[in-house]
N, C-alpha and C. Protein backbone atom coordinates (compact mmCIF):
# COMPACT_ATOMS: atom_id res chain seq x y z
N MET A 1 0.75 -0.96 0.03
CA MET A 1 -0.07 -0.18 -0.30
C MET A 1 1.04 1.16 0.20
N GLY A 2 0.75 2.10 -1.14
CA GLY A 2 1.51 3.26 -1.25
C GLY A 2 0.88 4.35 -0.02
N ALA A 3 1.91 5.15 0.32
CA ALA A 3 1.52 6.49 1.09
C ALA A 3 0.57 7.31 0.54
N HIS A 4 -0.32 7.71 1.00
CA HIS A 4 -1.58 8.88 0.82
C HIS A 4 -0.76 10.22 0.65
N ARG A 5 -0.83 11.27 0.12
CA ARG A 5 -0.37 12.29 0.28
C ARG A 5 -1.57 13.37 -0.27
N ALA A 6 -1.97 13.96 0.68
CA ALA A 6 -3.12 15.15 0.44
C ALA A 6 -2.68 16.43 0.03
N PRO A 7 -3.16 16.94 -0.62
CA PRO A 7 -2.92 18.61 -1.24
C PRO A 7 -2.75 19.28 -0.14
N VAL A 8 -2.06 20.06 0.36
CA VAL A 8 -1.81 21.14 1.23
C VAL A 8 -1.51 22.71 1.16
N SER A 9 -2.22 23.35 1.49
CA SER A 9 -2.29 24.93 1.09
C SER A 9 -1.45 25.51 1.70
N LEU A 10 -1.16 25.11 2.73
CA LEU A 10 0.12 25.81 3.55
C LEU A 10 1.26 25.44 3.52
N SER A 11 2.34 26.11 3.18
CA SER A 11 3.85 26.01 3.05
C SER A 11 4.43 25.66 4.23
N MET A 12 3.93 25.98 5.53
CA MET A 12 4.67 25.54 6.44
C MET A 12 4.85 24.08 6.86
N THR A 13 3.59 23.33 6.22
CA THR A 13 3.34 21.83 6.82
C THR A 13 2.84 20.97 5.50
N GLU A 14 3.13 19.63 5.61
CA GLU A 14 2.79 19.00 4.57
C GLU A 14 1.85 17.42 5.48
N ILE A 15 1.00 17.33 4.98
CA ILE A 15 0.15 16.15 5.55
C ILE A 15 0.39 14.61 4.71
N ILE A 16 1.00 13.90 5.50
CA ILE A 16 1.44 12.56 4.97
C ILE A 16 0.30 11.39 5.93
N GLN A 17 0.69 10.34 5.26
CA GLN A 17 0.15 9.21 5.70
C GLN A 17 1.13 8.59 6.71
N ALA A 18 0.97 8.44 7.68
CA ALA A 18 2.08 7.80 8.72
C ALA A 18 2.10 6.27 8.30
N ASN A 19 3.47 5.84 8.50
CA ASN A 19 3.67 4.41 8.70
C ASN A 19 4.39 3.76 9.82
N GLU A 20 4.62 2.63 9.79
CA GLU A 20 4.97 2.23 10.94
C GLU A 20 6.00 2.69 11.50
N ALA A 21 6.90 2.69 10.71
CA ALA A 21 8.28 3.23 11.13
C ALA A 21 8.17 4.96 11.47
N GLN A 22 7.30 5.78 11.64
CA GLN A 22 7.07 6.77 11.87
C GLN A 22 5.91 6.92 13.35
N VAL A 23 5.92 6.15 14.26
CA VAL A 23 5.26 5.82 15.08
C VAL A 23 5.80 6.56 16.23
N HIS A 24 6.95 6.72 16.35
CA HIS A 24 8.11 7.41 17.14
C HIS A 24 7.80 8.96 16.84
N GLU A 25 7.33 9.37 16.24
CA GLU A 25 7.19 10.62 16.08
C GLU A 25 5.75 11.21 16.30
N LEU A 26 4.86 10.47 16.54
CA LEU A 26 3.27 10.44 16.61
C LEU A 26 3.25 10.44 18.17
N VAL A 27 4.06 9.55 18.93
CA VAL A 27 4.01 9.49 20.15
C VAL A 27 3.93 10.62 21.17
N PRO A 28 4.57 11.64 20.83
CA PRO A 28 4.68 13.04 22.17
C PRO A 28 3.49 13.49 21.78
N LEU A 29 3.17 13.69 20.66
CA LEU A 29 1.73 14.30 19.98
C LEU A 29 0.22 13.41 20.43
N PHE A 30 0.33 11.88 20.33
CA PHE A 30 -0.48 11.26 20.77
C PHE A 30 -0.56 11.46 22.46
N ASP A 31 0.52 11.00 23.02
CA ASP A 31 0.47 11.52 24.87
C ASP A 31 0.00 12.78 25.21
N GLN A 32 0.35 13.66 24.45
CA GLN A 32 -0.38 14.94 24.64
C GLN A 32 -1.67 15.03 24.35
N TYR A 33 -1.98 14.75 23.59
CA TYR A 33 -3.64 14.35 23.22
C TYR A 33 -4.71 13.44 24.16
N ARG A 34 -3.91 12.44 24.70
CA ARG A 34 -4.36 11.70 25.78
C ARG A 34 -4.68 12.74 27.10
N GLN A 35 -3.22 13.48 27.50
CA GLN A 35 -3.28 14.18 28.82
C GLN A 35 -4.30 15.23 28.58
N PHE A 36 -4.97 15.44 27.13
CA PHE A 36 -5.42 16.57 27.22
C PHE A 36 -7.07 16.18 27.76
N TYR A 37 -7.33 14.73 27.47
CA TYR A 37 -8.39 14.16 27.88
C TYR A 37 -8.58 13.17 29.56
N ARG A 38 -7.74 14.10 30.00
CA ARG A 38 -7.26 13.87 31.51
C ARG A 38 -6.74 12.33 31.77
N GLN A 39 -5.65 11.63 30.66
CA GLN A 39 -5.20 10.78 31.06
C GLN A 39 -3.66 10.95 31.49
N ALA A 40 -3.32 9.58 32.35
CA ALA A 40 -1.54 10.15 32.59
C ALA A 40 -1.08 9.90 31.47
N SER A 41 0.15 10.87 31.55
CA SER A 41 1.33 10.69 30.63
C SER A 41 1.68 8.87 30.66
N ASP A 42 1.96 8.52 29.65
CA ASP A 42 2.37 7.11 29.38
C ASP A 42 3.16 7.28 27.80
N PRO A 43 4.08 7.20 27.52
CA PRO A 43 4.38 7.17 26.30
C PRO A 43 5.13 6.35 25.61
N ARG A 44 5.67 5.16 26.75
CA ARG A 44 5.97 3.78 26.30
C ARG A 44 4.59 2.99 25.74
N ALA A 45 3.55 3.15 26.65
CA ALA A 45 2.29 2.53 26.02
C ALA A 45 1.52 3.23 24.96
N ALA A 46 1.84 4.70 24.47
CA ALA A 46 0.98 5.05 23.51
C ALA A 46 2.14 4.88 22.22
N GLY A 47 3.30 4.49 22.43
CA GLY A 47 3.81 3.76 21.54
C GLY A 47 3.36 2.66 21.01
N ALA A 48 3.30 1.69 22.03
CA ALA A 48 2.90 0.37 21.53
C ALA A 48 1.51 0.34 21.27
N TYR A 49 0.75 1.17 21.88
CA TYR A 49 -0.58 1.22 21.16
C TYR A 49 -1.01 1.35 19.93
N LEU A 50 0.08 2.21 19.41
CA LEU A 50 -0.08 2.98 18.11
C LEU A 50 0.57 2.16 16.72
N GLN A 51 1.48 1.32 17.74
CA GLN A 51 2.31 0.78 16.61
C GLN A 51 1.59 -1.08 16.34
N ASN A 52 0.93 -1.09 17.21
CA ASN A 52 -0.39 -2.52 17.32
C ASN A 52 -0.94 -2.24 16.51
N ARG A 53 -1.96 -0.60 16.31
CA ARG A 53 -2.35 -0.50 15.58
C ARG A 53 -2.36 -0.61 14.09
N MET A 54 -1.02 -0.18 13.97
CA MET A 54 -0.30 0.20 12.50
C MET A 54 -0.37 -1.21 11.94
N LYS A 55 0.37 -2.18 12.83
CA LYS A 55 0.92 -3.73 12.51
C LYS A 55 -0.31 -4.48 12.17
N GLN A 56 -1.41 -4.18 12.72
CA GLN A 56 -2.63 -5.17 12.62
C GLN A 56 -3.33 -4.28 11.17
N GLY A 57 -3.28 -3.16 10.88
CA GLY A 57 -4.04 -2.56 9.59
C GLY A 57 -5.59 -1.82 10.11
N GLU A 58 -5.37 -1.70 11.52
CA GLU A 58 -6.82 -1.37 12.12
C GLU A 58 -6.77 -0.24 11.74
N ALA A 59 -5.74 0.82 11.85
CA ALA A 59 -5.84 2.50 11.98
C ALA A 59 -4.93 2.97 10.54
N VAL A 60 -5.59 4.07 10.26
CA VAL A 60 -4.79 5.16 9.04
C VAL A 60 -4.81 6.49 10.24
N ILE A 61 -3.42 6.66 9.96
CA ILE A 61 -3.05 7.94 10.43
C ILE A 61 -2.49 9.04 9.54
N PHE A 62 -2.88 10.06 9.33
CA PHE A 62 -2.14 11.28 8.73
C PHE A 62 -1.77 12.21 9.89
N MET A 63 -0.42 13.00 9.24
CA MET A 63 0.49 13.52 10.14
C MET A 63 0.72 14.66 9.50
N ALA A 64 0.40 16.01 10.43
CA ALA A 64 1.05 17.12 9.94
C ALA A 64 2.43 17.18 10.33
N VAL A 65 3.59 17.62 9.06
CA VAL A 65 4.96 17.51 9.67
C VAL A 65 5.09 18.88 9.17
N THR A 66 6.13 19.55 9.83
CA THR A 66 6.85 20.90 9.62
C THR A 66 7.78 20.73 8.07
N LYS A 67 8.20 21.65 7.54
CA LYS A 67 9.27 21.57 6.59
C LYS A 67 10.52 21.18 7.26
N GLU A 68 10.77 21.30 8.84
CA GLU A 68 12.21 20.75 9.35
C GLU A 68 11.79 19.38 9.76
N GLY A 69 10.75 18.76 9.73
CA GLY A 69 10.40 17.26 9.81
C GLY A 69 9.52 16.94 10.86
N ARG A 70 9.21 17.85 11.81
CA ARG A 70 8.77 17.39 12.60
C ARG A 70 6.76 17.60 12.83
N ALA A 71 6.58 16.32 13.59
CA ALA A 71 5.08 16.06 13.79
C ALA A 71 4.42 16.82 14.71
N VAL A 72 3.47 17.73 14.16
CA VAL A 72 2.72 19.09 15.06
C VAL A 72 1.14 18.60 15.03
N GLY A 73 0.83 17.41 14.48
CA GLY A 73 -0.67 17.35 14.22
C GLY A 73 -0.88 16.00 14.12
N PHE A 74 -1.97 15.40 14.04
CA PHE A 74 -2.40 14.03 13.50
C PHE A 74 -3.91 13.88 13.56
N THR A 75 -4.35 13.04 12.79
CA THR A 75 -5.76 12.56 12.64
C THR A 75 -5.77 11.14 12.74
N LEU A 76 -6.42 10.24 13.70
CA LEU A 76 -6.60 9.00 13.38
C LEU A 76 -7.79 7.95 12.83
N LEU A 77 -7.88 7.29 11.86
CA LEU A 77 -8.91 6.56 11.47
C LEU A 77 -9.06 5.28 11.82
N TYR A 78 -10.22 4.73 12.04
CA TYR A 78 -10.49 3.21 12.42
C TYR A 78 -11.34 3.06 10.99
N HIS A 79 -10.98 1.44 10.94
CA HIS A 79 -11.70 1.04 9.68
C HIS A 79 -13.27 0.38 10.41
N GLY A 80 -14.14 0.54 9.56
CA GLY A 80 -15.69 0.16 10.13
C GLY A 80 -16.65 -0.08 9.09
N PHE A 81 -17.65 -0.65 9.38
CA PHE A 81 -18.53 -1.03 8.39
C PHE A 81 -19.93 -0.74 8.32
N SER A 82 -20.99 -0.38 7.59
CA SER A 82 -22.31 -0.38 7.82
C SER A 82 -23.11 -1.47 7.27
N SER A 83 -23.65 -2.05 8.27
CA SER A 83 -24.63 -3.10 7.97
C SER A 83 -25.73 -3.01 7.14
N VAL A 84 -26.27 -1.87 7.13
CA VAL A 84 -27.58 -1.50 6.22
C VAL A 84 -27.12 -1.27 4.91
N SER A 85 -25.98 -0.60 4.91
CA SER A 85 -25.69 -0.38 3.47
C SER A 85 -24.77 -1.46 2.97
N MET A 86 -24.12 -2.00 3.89
CA MET A 86 -23.00 -3.28 3.32
C MET A 86 -21.78 -2.58 2.76
N GLN A 87 -21.62 -1.47 3.20
CA GLN A 87 -20.17 -0.68 2.83
C GLN A 87 -19.29 -0.23 4.02
N PRO A 88 -17.85 -0.18 3.69
CA PRO A 88 -16.96 0.05 4.68
C PRO A 88 -17.17 1.77 4.91
N LEU A 89 -16.79 1.80 5.87
CA LEU A 89 -16.83 3.26 6.46
C LEU A 89 -15.82 3.84 7.36
N LEU A 90 -15.07 4.90 7.63
CA LEU A 90 -13.92 5.25 8.58
C LEU A 90 -14.73 6.05 9.63
N ILE A 91 -14.09 5.50 11.02
CA ILE A 91 -14.24 6.41 11.73
C ILE A 91 -12.89 7.37 12.16
N LEU A 92 -13.41 8.71 12.36
CA LEU A 92 -12.45 9.65 12.64
C LEU A 92 -12.48 10.05 14.36
N ASN A 93 -11.37 8.99 14.70
CA ASN A 93 -11.60 8.91 16.28
C ASN A 93 -10.46 9.81 16.89
N ASP A 94 -9.72 10.49 16.34
CA ASP A 94 -8.72 11.44 16.89
C ASP A 94 -8.12 12.55 16.19
N LEU A 95 -8.13 13.29 16.63
CA LEU A 95 -7.65 15.10 15.74
C LEU A 95 -7.14 15.90 17.07
N PHE A 96 -5.87 15.67 16.29
CA PHE A 96 -5.10 16.64 17.54
C PHE A 96 -4.29 17.65 16.82
N VAL A 97 -3.72 18.65 17.02
CA VAL A 97 -2.80 19.74 16.92
C VAL A 97 -1.96 20.41 17.86
N GLU A 98 -1.07 20.46 17.81
CA GLU A 98 -0.12 21.22 18.85
C GLU A 98 -0.61 22.26 19.36
N GLU A 99 -0.65 22.85 19.97
CA GLU A 99 -1.03 24.15 20.91
C GLU A 99 -0.67 25.30 19.99
N SER A 100 0.71 25.27 19.83
CA SER A 100 1.55 26.37 19.28
C SER A 100 1.33 26.34 17.82
N TYR A 101 0.66 25.40 17.33
CA TYR A 101 0.43 25.51 15.53
C TYR A 101 -1.16 25.52 15.28
N ARG A 102 -2.02 25.44 16.22
CA ARG A 102 -3.44 25.64 16.31
C ARG A 102 -3.60 27.28 15.68
N LYS A 103 -4.94 27.08 14.89
CA LYS A 103 -5.66 28.25 14.46
C LYS A 103 -4.65 28.42 12.86
N LYS A 104 -4.06 27.69 12.52
CA LYS A 104 -2.93 28.01 11.21
C LYS A 104 -3.74 26.86 10.33
N GLY A 105 -4.88 26.50 10.42
CA GLY A 105 -5.35 25.87 9.02
C GLY A 105 -5.10 23.76 9.51
N ILE A 106 -4.45 23.46 10.30
CA ILE A 106 -3.55 22.40 10.16
C ILE A 106 -4.44 21.38 10.34
N GLY A 107 -5.51 21.82 11.33
CA GLY A 107 -6.86 20.72 11.61
C GLY A 107 -7.79 20.58 9.95
N GLU A 108 -7.90 21.38 9.72
CA GLU A 108 -8.79 21.43 8.17
C GLU A 108 -8.01 20.52 7.46
N GLN A 109 -6.23 20.78 7.17
CA GLN A 109 -5.59 20.10 6.00
C GLN A 109 -5.95 18.26 6.88
N LEU A 110 -5.60 18.35 8.22
CA LEU A 110 -6.08 17.02 8.61
C LEU A 110 -7.41 16.22 7.69
N LEU A 111 -8.27 16.98 8.57
CA LEU A 111 -9.51 16.68 8.15
C LEU A 111 -9.78 16.58 6.48
N ARG A 112 -9.44 17.49 5.67
CA ARG A 112 -9.22 17.09 4.19
C ARG A 112 -8.64 15.78 3.76
N ALA A 113 -7.32 16.03 4.39
CA ALA A 113 -6.90 14.48 4.03
C ALA A 113 -7.56 13.04 4.24
N ALA A 114 -8.32 13.30 5.52
CA ALA A 114 -9.13 12.12 5.91
C ALA A 114 -10.35 11.83 4.70
N GLN A 115 -11.17 13.06 4.27
CA GLN A 115 -11.81 12.91 3.50
C GLN A 115 -11.39 12.33 1.94
N SER A 116 -10.38 12.77 1.51
CA SER A 116 -9.42 12.36 0.40
C SER A 116 -9.51 10.92 0.59
N TYR A 117 -8.80 10.60 1.13
CA TYR A 117 -8.21 9.02 1.90
C TYR A 117 -9.84 8.20 1.68
N CYS A 118 -10.82 8.80 2.23
CA CYS A 118 -12.03 8.00 2.45
C CYS A 118 -12.87 8.03 1.00
N ARG A 119 -12.66 8.84 0.42
CA ARG A 119 -12.77 9.07 -1.20
C ARG A 119 -12.29 8.17 -2.36
N ASP A 120 -11.06 8.01 -2.13
CA ASP A 120 -9.94 7.42 -2.91
C ASP A 120 -10.26 5.59 -2.41
N LYS A 121 -10.58 5.29 -1.16
CA LYS A 121 -10.82 3.99 -0.77
C LYS A 121 -11.76 3.58 -1.12
N ALA A 122 -13.12 3.93 -1.30
CA ALA A 122 -14.51 4.33 -1.67
C ALA A 122 -15.32 3.46 -0.60
N ASN A 123 -14.86 4.65 0.37
CA ASN A 123 -15.58 4.10 1.91
C ASN A 123 -16.79 5.00 1.81
N LYS A 124 -17.82 4.45 2.31
CA LYS A 124 -19.40 5.24 2.54
C LYS A 124 -19.05 6.58 3.02
N GLY A 125 -17.93 6.94 3.99
CA GLY A 125 -17.69 8.16 4.61
C GLY A 125 -17.13 8.03 5.71
N LEU A 126 -17.38 8.72 6.54
CA LEU A 126 -16.34 9.48 7.75
C LEU A 126 -17.65 9.44 8.99
N ALA A 127 -17.41 8.79 10.16
CA ALA A 127 -17.86 9.27 11.20
C ALA A 127 -16.95 9.86 12.37
N LEU A 128 -17.67 10.67 13.13
CA LEU A 128 -16.70 11.47 14.11
C LEU A 128 -17.89 11.69 15.41
N GLU A 129 -17.16 11.76 16.42
CA GLU A 129 -18.23 12.28 17.68
C GLU A 129 -17.53 13.10 18.09
N THR A 130 -18.03 14.57 19.03
CA THR A 130 -17.17 15.54 19.65
C THR A 130 -17.76 15.89 20.65
N ALA A 131 -17.54 16.38 21.70
CA ALA A 131 -17.80 17.36 22.77
C ALA A 131 -19.22 18.16 22.28
N VAL A 132 -20.14 18.54 23.14
CA VAL A 132 -21.13 19.47 22.33
C VAL A 132 -20.80 20.87 22.61
N ASP A 133 -19.63 20.93 23.51
CA ASP A 133 -18.90 21.97 23.66
C ASP A 133 -17.87 22.50 22.72
N ASN A 134 -17.27 21.65 21.96
CA ASN A 134 -16.17 21.46 21.17
C ASN A 134 -16.11 22.81 20.08
N PRO A 135 -15.47 23.76 20.27
CA PRO A 135 -15.21 24.81 18.87
C PRO A 135 -15.20 24.32 17.49
N ALA A 136 -14.61 23.20 17.36
CA ALA A 136 -14.31 22.51 15.82
C ALA A 136 -15.45 22.19 15.49
N GLN A 137 -16.73 22.14 15.94
CA GLN A 137 -17.95 21.80 15.15
C GLN A 137 -18.02 22.46 14.14
N ARG A 138 -17.73 23.93 14.24
CA ARG A 138 -17.96 24.51 12.86
C ARG A 138 -17.03 24.58 11.77
N LEU A 139 -15.80 24.02 12.18
CA LEU A 139 -15.17 23.63 10.96
C LEU A 139 -15.88 22.37 10.78
N TYR A 140 -16.35 21.16 11.41
CA TYR A 140 -16.55 19.94 10.73
C TYR A 140 -17.69 20.19 9.69
N GLU A 141 -18.67 21.29 10.12
CA GLU A 141 -19.66 21.51 9.54
C GLU A 141 -19.50 22.23 8.13
N ARG A 142 -18.66 23.29 8.26
CA ARG A 142 -18.21 23.73 6.94
C ARG A 142 -17.41 23.04 5.91
N LEU A 143 -16.93 21.87 6.46
CA LEU A 143 -16.45 21.14 5.25
C LEU A 143 -17.46 19.70 5.09
N GLY A 144 -18.67 19.89 5.34
CA GLY A 144 -19.67 18.73 5.09
C GLY A 144 -19.98 17.98 5.76
N TRP A 145 -19.61 17.96 7.12
CA TRP A 145 -20.09 16.85 8.36
C TRP A 145 -21.16 17.28 8.47
N GLN A 146 -22.25 16.14 8.65
CA GLN A 146 -23.46 16.60 9.38
C GLN A 146 -23.95 16.17 10.62
N LYS A 147 -24.45 16.91 11.20
CA LYS A 147 -24.90 16.40 12.68
C LYS A 147 -25.89 15.50 13.04
N ASP A 148 -25.66 14.34 13.40
CA ASP A 148 -26.76 13.37 13.61
C ASP A 148 -27.89 13.76 14.90
N SER A 149 -28.93 14.23 14.48
CA SER A 149 -30.07 14.56 15.49
C SER A 149 -31.39 13.54 15.35
N HIS A 150 -31.04 12.67 14.39
CA HIS A 150 -32.29 11.43 14.58
C HIS A 150 -31.80 10.33 15.41
N CYS A 151 -30.61 10.17 16.32
CA CYS A 151 -30.36 8.82 17.01
C CYS A 151 -29.52 9.67 18.36
N PHE A 152 -29.43 8.89 18.94
CA PHE A 152 -28.86 9.01 20.40
C PHE A 152 -26.95 7.91 20.33
N HIS A 153 -26.27 8.53 21.14
CA HIS A 153 -25.13 7.95 20.94
C HIS A 153 -25.36 7.09 22.64
N TYR A 154 -25.35 5.70 22.56
CA TYR A 154 -24.70 5.29 23.73
C TYR A 154 -23.64 4.41 23.71
N PHE A 155 -23.26 4.01 25.40
CA PHE A 155 -22.12 3.72 25.46
C PHE A 155 -22.11 2.56 26.76
N TRP A 156 -21.51 1.48 26.75
CA TRP A 156 -21.85 0.30 28.03
C TRP A 156 -20.36 0.22 28.08
N ASN A 157 -20.08 0.34 29.61
CA ASN A 157 -18.70 0.01 29.96
C ASN A 157 -18.43 -1.30 30.71
N ALA A 158 -17.38 -2.07 29.93
CA ALA A 158 -17.37 -3.62 30.27
C ALA A 158 -16.71 -3.34 31.67
N GLY A 159 -16.04 -2.24 32.41
CA GLY A 159 -15.10 -2.20 33.32
C GLY A 159 -16.22 -2.04 34.67
């Protein structure tokens, strides 16, 4: 499988599809992302988690890389399926941009890369969930995501 490169409008970053060899570049960002959601920092476990998802072919990760080669953002997609339409789909599970790089269009670039990949791989679409107070909702809606108002989201905790 070749790397997927999305068109990028900003000259300061490039959006690339990450591979297993680049997981170490994603670990600091993934760890920051988890800390944002009040999880304890654990870079070793974060690296193992990402490596396993990539090795098993369970995730597709796009990352924003500066001209200097530093990863400053990522989006993580999981494969899913729609039984009703009998089509594959993607779940946009995580989107994160390092704080000092926010409000520069990188989140939008990552979302557009996910949309492009989704179309290229003939998936039905992209699903995501977000907090009701997340200001990124305006961006999602501007890029064509539609809020689900006809159903509720439930979660059962096995723990």
